[in-house]
Amino acid sequence: MKSSTRDKAEGMFHQVKGKIKQTAGDLTDNPKLEAEGAGEKIAGKAQEKMGQVKKVWGK
Protein backbone atom coordinates (compact mmCIF):
# COMPACT_ATOMS: atom_id res chain seq x y z
CA MET A 1 0.00 0.00 0.00
CA LYS A 2 1.30 3.45 -0.87
CA SER A 3 2.26 5.77 1.95
CA SER A 4 -0.41 8.31 0.97
CA THR A 5 -3.18 5.70 0.92
CA ARG A 6 -2.05 4.27 4.26
CA ASP A 7 -1.99 7.74 5.86
CA LYS A 8 -5.47 8.51 4.58
CA ALA A 9 -6.85 5.17 5.83
CA GLU A 10 -5.19 5.46 9.23
CA GLY A 11 -6.39 9.05 9.53
CA MET A 12 -9.97 8.01 8.88
CA PHE A 13 -9.63 5.19 11.43
CA HIS A 14 -8.35 7.60 14.09
CA GLN A 15 -11.17 10.03 13.36
CA VAL A 16 -13.78 7.32 13.87
CA LYS A 17 -12.02 6.02 16.98
CA GLY A 18 -11.83 9.57 18.34
CA LYS A 19 -15.51 10.19 17.67
CA ILE A 20 -16.42 7.00 19.54
CA LYS A 21 -14.25 8.00 22.52
CA GLN A 22 -15.67 11.51 22.49
CA THR A 23 -19.25 10.21 22.47
CA ALA A 24 -18.50 7.65 25.19
CA GLY A 25 -16.95 10.37 27.33
CA ASP A 26 -19.99 12.56 26.83
CA LEU A 27 -22.42 9.76 27.70
CA THR A 28 -20.49 8.68 30.80
CA ASP A 29 -19.78 12.27 31.87
CA ASN A 30 -16.04 11.64 31.63
CA PRO A 31 -14.37 14.86 30.42
CA LYS A 32 -10.94 13.23 30.21
CA LEU A 33 -12.17 10.56 27.76
CA GLU A 34 -14.13 13.19 25.82
CA ALA A 35 -11.02 15.37 25.47
CA GLU A 36 -8.90 12.37 24.48
CA GLY A 37 -11.41 11.53 21.75
CA ALA A 38 -11.43 15.10 20.47
CA GLY A 39 -7.64 15.10 20.32
CA GLU A 40 -7.55 11.81 18.46
CA LYS A 41 -10.11 13.10 15.96
CA ILE A 42 -7.95 16.15 15.25
CA ALA A 43 -4.84 13.99 14.87
CA GLY A 44 -6.74 11.74 12.47
CA LYS A 45 -7.78 14.70 10.35
CA ALA A 46 -4.19 15.91 10.22
CA GLN A 47 -2.94 12.46 9.19
CA GLU A 48 -5.60 12.21 6.49
CA LYS A 49 -4.58 15.61 5.12
CA MET A 50 -0.95 14.50 5.13
CA GLY A 51 -1.98 11.52 2.97
CA GLN A 52 -3.71 13.86 0.56
CA VAL A 53 -0.61 16.05 0.33
CA LYS A 54 1.60 13.01 -0.27
CA LYS A 55 -0.72 11.90 -3.07
CA VAL A 56 -0.43 15.30 -4.77
CA TRP A 57 3.38 15.19 -4.50
CA GLY A 58 3.42 11.58 -5.70
CA LYS A 59 4.89 9.93 -2.64
PDB file of N, CA and C in Angstrom:
ATOM      1  N   MET A   1       0.845  -1.161   0.000  1.00  0.00           N
ATOM      2  CA  MET A   1       0.000   0.000   0.000  1.00  0.00           C
ATOM      3  C   MET A   1       0.899   1.236   0.000  1.00  0.00           C
ATOM      4  N   LYS A   2       0.530   2.208  -0.799  1.00  0.00           N
ATOM      5  CA  LYS A   2       1.303   3.449  -0.870  1.00  0.00           C
ATOM      6  C   LYS A   2       1.185   4.218   0.445  1.00  0.00           C
ATOM      7  N   SER A   3       2.204   4.984   0.719  1.00  0.00           N
ATOM      8  CA  SER A   3       2.262   5.769   1.945  1.00  0.00           C
ATOM      9  C   SER A   3       1.070   6.724   2.056  1.00  0.00           C
ATOM     10  N   SER A   4       0.703   7.355   0.941  1.00  0.00           N
ATOM     11  CA  SER A   4      -0.405   8.310   0.973  1.00  0.00           C
ATOM     12  C   SER A   4      -1.727   7.615   1.283  1.00  0.00           C
ATOM     13  N   THR A   5      -1.937   6.456   0.691  1.00  0.00           N
ATOM     14  CA  THR A   5      -3.175   5.703   0.925  1.00  0.00           C
ATOM     15  C   THR A   5      -3.226   5.219   2.371  1.00  0.00           C
ATOM     16  N   ARG A   6      -2.096   4.760   2.885  1.00  0.00           N
ATOM     17  CA  ARG A   6      -2.048   4.275   4.261  1.00  0.00           C
ATOM     18  C   ARG A   6      -2.334   5.421   5.233  1.00  0.00           C
ATOM     19  N   ASP A   7      -1.747   6.589   4.987  1.00  0.00           N
ATOM     20  CA  ASP A   7      -1.987   7.741   5.858  1.00  0.00           C
ATOM     21  C   ASP A   7      -3.464   8.135   5.846  1.00  0.00           C
ATOM     22  N   LYS A   8      -4.057   8.146   4.672  1.00  0.00           N
ATOM     23  CA  LYS A   8      -5.472   8.509   4.582  1.00  0.00           C
ATOM     24  C   LYS A   8      -6.342   7.498   5.323  1.00  0.00           C
ATOM     25  N   ALA A   9      -6.063   6.211   5.166  1.00  0.00           N
ATOM     26  CA  ALA A   9      -6.847   5.172   5.829  1.00  0.00           C
ATOM     27  C   ALA A   9      -6.672   5.234   7.343  1.00  0.00           C
ATOM     28  N   GLU A  10      -5.441   5.373   7.795  1.00  0.00           N
ATOM     29  CA  GLU A  10      -5.187   5.459   9.231  1.00  0.00           C
ATOM     30  C   GLU A  10      -5.808   6.727   9.818  1.00  0.00           C
ATOM     31  N   GLY A  11      -5.774   7.808   9.072  1.00  0.00           N
ATOM     32  CA  GLY A  11      -6.386   9.051   9.533  1.00  0.00           C
ATOM     33  C   GLY A  11      -7.886   8.905   9.715  1.00  0.00           C
ATOM     34  N   MET A  12      -8.530   8.249   8.776  1.00  0.00           N
ATOM     35  CA  MET A  12      -9.974   8.014   8.879  1.00  0.00           C
ATOM     36  C   MET A  12     -10.278   7.129  10.088  1.00  0.00           C
ATOM     37  N   PHE A  13      -9.439   6.086  10.295  1.00  0.00           N
ATOM     38  CA  PHE A  13      -9.629   5.189  11.426  1.00  0.00           C
ATOM     39  C   PHE A  13      -9.523   5.961  12.744  1.00  0.00           C
ATOM     40  N   HIS A  14      -8.526   6.829  12.861  1.00  0.00           N
ATOM     41  CA  HIS A  14      -8.347   7.595  14.090  1.00  0.00           C
ATOM     42  C   HIS A  14      -9.490   8.592  14.300  1.00  0.00           C
ATOM     43  N   GLN A  15     -10.028   9.130  13.227  1.00  0.00           N
ATOM     44  CA  GLN A  15     -11.166  10.034  13.357  1.00  0.00           C
ATOM     45  C   GLN A  15     -12.380   9.302  13.920  1.00  0.00           C
ATOM     46  N   VAL A  16     -12.645   8.107  13.394  1.00  0.00           N
ATOM     47  CA  VAL A  16     -13.784   7.318  13.866  1.00  0.00           C
ATOM     48  C   VAL A  16     -13.563   6.908  15.321  1.00  0.00           C
ATOM     49  N   LYS A  17     -12.358   6.431  15.620  1.00  0.00           N
ATOM     50  CA  LYS A  17     -12.023   6.018  16.983  1.00  0.00           C
ATOM     51  C   LYS A  17     -12.165   7.200  17.946  1.00  0.00           C
ATOM     52  N   GLY A  18     -11.711   8.370  17.517  1.00  0.00           N
ATOM     53  CA  GLY A  18     -11.826   9.570  18.342  1.00  0.00           C
ATOM     54  C   GLY A  18     -13.272   9.971  18.575  1.00  0.00           C
ATOM     55  N   LYS A  19     -14.095   9.851  17.547  1.00  0.00           N
ATOM     56  CA  LYS A  19     -15.515  10.194  17.674  1.00  0.00           C
ATOM     57  C   LYS A  19     -16.193   9.255  18.666  1.00  0.00           C
ATOM     58  N   ILE A  20     -15.840   7.966  18.613  1.00  0.00           N
ATOM     59  CA  ILE A  20     -16.418   6.999  19.543  1.00  0.00           C
ATOM     60  C   ILE A  20     -16.008   7.335  20.976  1.00  0.00           C
ATOM     61  N   LYS A  21     -14.730   7.636  21.184  1.00  0.00           N
ATOM     62  CA  LYS A  21     -14.250   7.999  22.522  1.00  0.00           C
ATOM     63  C   LYS A  21     -14.930   9.273  23.013  1.00  0.00           C
ATOM     64  N   GLN A  22     -15.058  10.239  22.127  1.00  0.00           N
ATOM     65  CA  GLN A  22     -15.672  11.508  22.493  1.00  0.00           C
ATOM     66  C   GLN A  22     -17.129  11.293  22.905  1.00  0.00           C
ATOM     67  N   THR A  23     -17.847  10.496  22.160  1.00  0.00           N
ATOM     68  CA  THR A  23     -19.249  10.212  22.469  1.00  0.00           C
ATOM     69  C   THR A  23     -19.363   9.431  23.773  1.00  0.00           C
ATOM     70  N   ALA A  24     -18.490   8.436  23.957  1.00  0.00           N
ATOM     71  CA  ALA A  24     -18.504   7.647  25.186  1.00  0.00           C
ATOM     72  C   ALA A  24     -18.206   8.542  26.391  1.00  0.00           C
ATOM     73  N   GLY A  25     -17.263   9.453  26.244  1.00  0.00           N
ATOM     74  CA  GLY A  25     -16.951  10.375  27.329  1.00  0.00           C
ATOM     75  C   GLY A  25     -18.111  11.290  27.654  1.00  0.00           C
ATOM     76  N   ASP A  26     -18.824  11.708  26.632  1.00  0.00           N
ATOM     77  CA  ASP A  26     -19.993  12.561  26.827  1.00  0.00           C
ATOM     78  C   ASP A  26     -21.102  11.791  27.536  1.00  0.00           C
ATOM     79  N   LEU A  27     -21.349  10.567  27.110  1.00  0.00           N
ATOM     80  CA  LEU A  27     -22.422   9.758  27.697  1.00  0.00           C
ATOM     81  C   LEU A  27     -22.126   9.362  29.141  1.00  0.00           C
ATOM     82  N   THR A  28     -20.863   9.111  29.449  1.00  0.00           N
ATOM     83  CA  THR A  28     -20.492   8.682  30.799  1.00  0.00           C
ATOM     84  C   THR A  28     -20.068   9.851  31.678  1.00  0.00           C
ATOM     85  N   ASP A  29     -20.179  11.054  31.162  1.00  0.00           N
ATOM     86  CA  ASP A  29     -19.784  12.270  31.871  1.00  0.00           C
ATOM     87  C   ASP A  29     -18.326  12.175  32.328  1.00  0.00           C
ATOM     88  N   ASN A  30     -17.474  11.792  31.373  1.00  0.00           N
ATOM     89  CA  ASN A  30     -16.043  11.641  31.625  1.00  0.00           C
ATOM     90  C   ASN A  30     -15.308  12.645  30.731  1.00  0.00           C
ATOM     91  N   PRO A  31     -15.001  13.830  31.263  1.00  0.00           N
ATOM     92  CA  PRO A  31     -14.374  14.864  30.421  1.00  0.00           C
ATOM     93  C   PRO A  31     -12.997  14.470  29.896  1.00  0.00           C
ATOM     94  N   LYS A  32     -12.268  13.645  30.660  1.00  0.00           N
ATOM     95  CA  LYS A  32     -10.940  13.225  30.208  1.00  0.00           C
ATOM     96  C   LYS A  32     -11.049  12.370  28.939  1.00  0.00           C
ATOM     97  N   LEU A  33     -11.972  11.422  28.927  1.00  0.00           N
ATOM     98  CA  LEU A  33     -12.173  10.564  27.759  1.00  0.00           C
ATOM     99  C   LEU A  33     -12.699  11.378  26.579  1.00  0.00           C
ATOM    100  N   GLU A  34     -13.574  12.321  26.870  1.00  0.00           N
ATOM    101  CA  GLU A  34     -14.129  13.186  25.821  1.00  0.00           C
ATOM    102  C   GLU A  34     -13.017  14.020  25.167  1.00  0.00           C
ATOM    103  N   ALA A  35     -12.135  14.573  25.987  1.00  0.00           N
ATOM    104  CA  ALA A  35     -11.021  15.369  25.465  1.00  0.00           C
ATOM    105  C   ALA A  35     -10.036  14.498  24.686  1.00  0.00           C
ATOM    106  N   GLU A  36      -9.790  13.298  25.183  1.00  0.00           N
ATOM    107  CA  GLU A  36      -8.897  12.374  24.485  1.00  0.00           C
ATOM    108  C   GLU A  36      -9.461  12.034  23.102  1.00  0.00           C
ATOM    109  N   GLY A  37     -10.763  11.820  23.030  1.00  0.00           N
ATOM    110  CA  GLY A  37     -11.415  11.535  21.751  1.00  0.00           C
ATOM    111  C   GLY A  37     -11.325  12.708  20.792  1.00  0.00           C
ATOM    112  N   ALA A  38     -11.512  13.909  21.322  1.00  0.00           N
ATOM    113  CA  ALA A  38     -11.428  15.099  20.471  1.00  0.00           C
ATOM    114  C   ALA A  38     -10.014  15.256  19.920  1.00  0.00           C
ATOM    115  N   GLY A  39      -9.033  15.009  20.762  1.00  0.00           N
ATOM    116  CA  GLY A  39      -7.644  15.101  20.324  1.00  0.00           C
ATOM    117  C   GLY A  39      -7.312  14.069  19.263  1.00  0.00           C
ATOM    118  N   GLU A  40      -7.813  12.862  19.445  1.00  0.00           N
ATOM    119  CA  GLU A  40      -7.550  11.808  18.464  1.00  0.00           C
ATOM    120  C   GLU A  40      -8.225  12.111  17.127  1.00  0.00           C
ATOM    121  N   LYS A  41      -9.411  12.706  17.196  1.00  0.00           N
ATOM    122  CA  LYS A  41     -10.108  13.103  15.964  1.00  0.00           C
ATOM    123  C   LYS A  41      -9.294  14.137  15.192  1.00  0.00           C
ATOM    124  N   ILE A  42      -8.756  15.103  15.896  1.00  0.00           N
ATOM    125  CA  ILE A  42      -7.954  16.147  15.248  1.00  0.00           C
ATOM    126  C   ILE A  42      -6.688  15.552  14.644  1.00  0.00           C
ATOM    127  N   ALA A  43      -6.048  14.648  15.387  1.00  0.00           N
ATOM    128  CA  ALA A  43      -4.841  13.992  14.869  1.00  0.00           C
ATOM    129  C   ALA A  43      -5.168  13.165  13.629  1.00  0.00           C
ATOM    130  N   GLY A  44      -6.326  12.517  13.629  1.00  0.00           N
ATOM    131  CA  GLY A  44      -6.743  11.741  12.470  1.00  0.00           C
ATOM    132  C   GLY A  44      -6.967  12.615  11.252  1.00  0.00           C
ATOM    133  N   LYS A  45      -7.569  13.768  11.460  1.00  0.00           N
ATOM    134  CA  LYS A  45      -7.782  14.701  10.347  1.00  0.00           C
ATOM    135  C   LYS A  45      -6.453  15.166   9.771  1.00  0.00           C
ATOM    136  N   ALA A  46      -5.506  15.459  10.667  1.00  0.00           N
ATOM    137  CA  ALA A  46      -4.186  15.907  10.216  1.00  0.00           C
ATOM    138  C   ALA A  46      -3.482  14.810   9.418  1.00  0.00           C
ATOM    139  N   GLN A  47      -3.585  13.571   9.887  1.00  0.00           N
ATOM    140  CA  GLN A  47      -2.937  12.463   9.189  1.00  0.00           C
ATOM    141  C   GLN A  47      -3.586  12.229   7.827  1.00  0.00           C
ATOM    142  N   GLU A  48      -4.910  12.363   7.773  1.00  0.00           N
ATOM    143  CA  GLU A  48      -5.605  12.206   6.491  1.00  0.00           C
ATOM    144  C   GLU A  48      -5.170  13.287   5.505  1.00  0.00           C
ATOM    145  N   LYS A  49      -5.040  14.515   5.978  1.00  0.00           N
ATOM    146  CA  LYS A  49      -4.582  15.615   5.119  1.00  0.00           C
ATOM    147  C   LYS A  49      -3.156  15.367   4.633  1.00  0.00           C
ATOM    148  N   MET A  50      -2.322  14.811   5.508  1.00  0.00           N
ATOM    149  CA  MET A  50      -0.951  14.495   5.128  1.00  0.00           C
ATOM    150  C   MET A  50      -0.951  13.476   3.984  1.00  0.00           C
ATOM    151  N   GLY A  51      -1.855  12.499   4.051  1.00  0.00           N
ATOM    152  CA  GLY A  51      -1.976  11.522   2.974  1.00  0.00           C
ATOM    153  C   GLY A  51      -2.388  12.175   1.665  1.00  0.00           C
ATOM    154  N   GLN A  52      -3.285  13.156   1.759  1.00  0.00           N
ATOM    155  CA  GLN A  52      -3.712  13.860   0.557  1.00  0.00           C
ATOM    156  C   GLN A  52      -2.559  14.657  -0.045  1.00  0.00           C
ATOM    157  N   VAL A  53      -1.755  15.286   0.799  1.00  0.00           N
ATOM    158  CA  VAL A  53      -0.610  16.050   0.326  1.00  0.00           C
ATOM    159  C   VAL A  53       0.405  15.118  -0.339  1.00  0.00           C
ATOM    160  N   LYS A  54       0.659  13.977   0.299  1.00  0.00           N
ATOM    161  CA  LYS A  54       1.597  13.015  -0.270  1.00  0.00           C
ATOM    162  C   LYS A  54       1.130  12.536  -1.645  1.00  0.00           C
ATOM    163  N   LYS A  55      -0.188  12.363  -1.780  1.00  0.00           N
ATOM    164  CA  LYS A  55      -0.723  11.905  -3.070  1.00  0.00           C
ATOM    165  C   LYS A  55      -0.471  12.955  -4.150  1.00  0.00           C
ATOM    166  N   VAL A  56      -0.661  14.220  -3.807  1.00  0.00           N
ATOM    167  CA  VAL A  56      -0.435  15.302  -4.767  1.00  0.00           C
ATOM    168  C   VAL A  56       1.032  15.340  -5.178  1.00  0.00           C
ATOM    169  N   TRP A  57       1.930  15.148  -4.220  1.00  0.00           N
ATOM    170  CA  TRP A  57       3.377  15.186  -4.499  1.00  0.00           C
ATOM    171  C   TRP A  57       3.895  13.859  -5.035  1.00  0.00           C
ATOM    172  N   GLY A  58       3.033  12.855  -5.093  1.00  0.00           N
ATOM    173  CA  GLY A  58       3.425  11.576  -5.698  1.00  0.00           C
ATOM    174  C   GLY A  58       4.286  10.709  -4.821  1.00  0.00           C
ATOM    175  N   LYS A  59       4.089  10.754  -3.545  1.00  0.00           N
ATOM    176  CA  LYS A  59       4.888   9.925  -2.638  1.00  0.00           C
ATOM    177  C   LYS A  59       4.062   8.832  -2.034  1.00  0.00           C
TER     178      LYS A  59
END
